[in-house]
Every structure is written in C-alpha cells, then in structure tokens.
Amino acid sequence: MAYYNNSETQFVSQLIEQFRKRRHRLGIPQIMLDQVIGVAPGLVAKWEIGNRKPSSFNLYCWAEALGCEIQLKETKDVTDESLRY
C-alpha cells in the first residue's frame, strides 16, 4: 500500500502545480479562487504551498474554476492478473 500512498502524494502535488501555473497565467488571485470555489479565505494558498491537501471534490471545483477538467486517461490494458499482488 505504501506505493500507492506515495503515488497519491506525487499525483496531487503535480496536479496542484498545474493549477498554480494556470492561475498565474490567467492572473487570478488566490483569494478570488477561494471565493469562487467556496472555501475558507487562504485555503487555496495553503493547498498551493502544500500545507493542506484538497479533497477530490475541491480538486474538481478548482479545475472548473480555472476553466479546466480532470479526466481519466487509459494508459495500458489491465487484467485480473495484473491487479494481484
């Protein structure tokens, strides 16, 4: 299970970095995103610096507020055998 915990941390960090870059390109202040997403003031800043971790729903709302969407992309075939440890 440790592999997936590390993968989750890395995945979320990379996603947040993409959101941060997009926010900068659009010139949107963090406090404005707090309001649009409907979270406490300063929470986007805490997510961006890694002090807090957004929920999956907050990630969805963040993406939508930035005019983006999160999609599942198939990268390989998966079989019952490949899922066994």
Protein backbone atom coordinates (compact mmCIF):
# COMPACT_ATOMS: atom_id res chain seq x y z
CA MET A 1 0.00 0.00 0.00
CA ALA A 2 2.95 2.36 0.54
CA TYR A 3 3.47 2.57 -3.23
CA TYR A 4 0.00 4.00 -3.76
CA ASN A 5 0.29 6.42 -0.83
CA ASN A 6 3.46 7.85 -2.39
CA SER A 7 1.79 7.90 -5.80
CA GLU A 8 -1.17 9.82 -4.38
CA THR A 9 1.08 12.45 -2.84
CA GLN A 10 3.03 12.83 -6.07
CA PHE A 11 -0.14 12.92 -8.19
CA VAL A 12 -1.80 15.59 -6.06
CA SER A 13 1.40 17.67 -5.94
CA GLN A 14 1.74 17.58 -9.72
CA LEU A 15 -1.91 18.46 -10.21
CA ILE A 16 -1.67 21.38 -7.78
CA GLU A 17 1.42 22.66 -9.60
CA GLN A 18 -0.52 22.63 -12.87
CA PHE A 19 -3.37 24.53 -11.20
CA ARG A 20 -0.93 27.06 -9.75
CA LYS A 21 0.70 27.68 -13.13
CA ARG A 22 -2.70 28.03 -14.81
CA ARG A 23 -3.83 30.50 -12.13
CA HIS A 24 -0.69 32.59 -12.69
CA ARG A 25 -1.17 32.56 -16.48
CA LEU A 26 -4.75 33.75 -16.03
CA GLY A 27 -3.74 36.36 -13.45
CA ILE A 28 -6.29 35.17 -10.88
CA PRO A 29 -5.50 35.96 -7.23
CA GLN A 30 -5.69 33.10 -4.74
CA ILE A 31 -8.29 34.91 -2.65
CA MET A 32 -10.58 35.17 -5.68
CA LEU A 33 -10.31 31.41 -6.22
CA ASP A 34 -11.18 30.87 -2.55
CA GLN A 35 -14.41 32.76 -3.17
CA VAL A 36 -15.24 31.07 -6.50
CA ILE A 37 -14.56 27.57 -5.15
CA GLY A 38 -16.39 28.39 -1.92
CA VAL A 39 -13.64 27.58 0.55
CA ALA A 40 -12.22 29.47 3.53
CA PRO A 41 -10.05 32.51 2.77
CA GLY A 42 -6.42 31.45 2.34
CA LEU A 43 -7.16 27.79 1.65
CA VAL A 44 -6.00 27.88 -1.99
CA ALA A 45 -2.71 29.38 -0.79
CA LYS A 46 -2.34 26.54 1.73
CA TRP A 47 -3.03 23.96 -0.99
CA GLU A 48 -0.50 25.56 -3.33
CA ILE A 49 2.31 25.54 -0.77
CA GLY A 50 1.45 22.05 0.48
CA ASN A 51 0.24 22.92 3.99
CA ARG A 52 -3.17 21.38 3.30
CA LYS A 53 -4.43 18.72 0.91
CA PRO A 54 -7.60 19.40 -1.10
CA SER A 55 -10.34 16.80 -1.28
CA SER A 56 -11.13 15.21 -4.62
CA PHE A 57 -14.26 17.39 -4.84
CA ASN A 58 -12.18 20.51 -4.14
CA LEU A 59 -9.78 19.47 -6.92
CA TYR A 60 -12.76 19.17 -9.26
CA CYS A 61 -14.08 22.62 -8.26
CA TRP A 62 -10.59 24.14 -8.55
CA ALA A 63 -10.19 22.76 -12.06
CA GLU A 64 -13.60 24.02 -13.09
CA ALA A 65 -12.90 27.49 -11.66
CA LEU A 66 -9.75 27.62 -13.83
CA GLY A 67 -11.64 26.51 -16.94
CA CYS A 68 -10.15 23.00 -16.89
CA GLU A 69 -11.36 19.46 -16.35
CA ILE A 70 -9.80 16.39 -14.80
CA GLN A 71 -10.07 13.30 -17.00
CA LEU A 72 -9.27 9.64 -16.64
CA LYS A 73 -6.97 8.51 -19.44
CA GLU A 74 -6.36 4.83 -20.13
CA THR A 75 -2.64 4.14 -20.43
CA LYS A 76 -2.48 0.34 -20.58
CA ASP A 77 -4.58 -2.78 -20.60
CA VAL A 78 -5.41 -4.14 -17.16
CA THR A 79 -6.23 -7.76 -16.44
CA ASP A 80 -7.22 -9.59 -13.28
CA GLU A 81 -3.69 -10.96 -13.11
CA SER A 82 -2.07 -7.53 -13.24
CA LEU A 83 -4.14 -6.40 -10.25
CA ARG A 84 -2.91 -9.17 -7.98
CA TYR A 85 -0.02 -8.54 -5.62
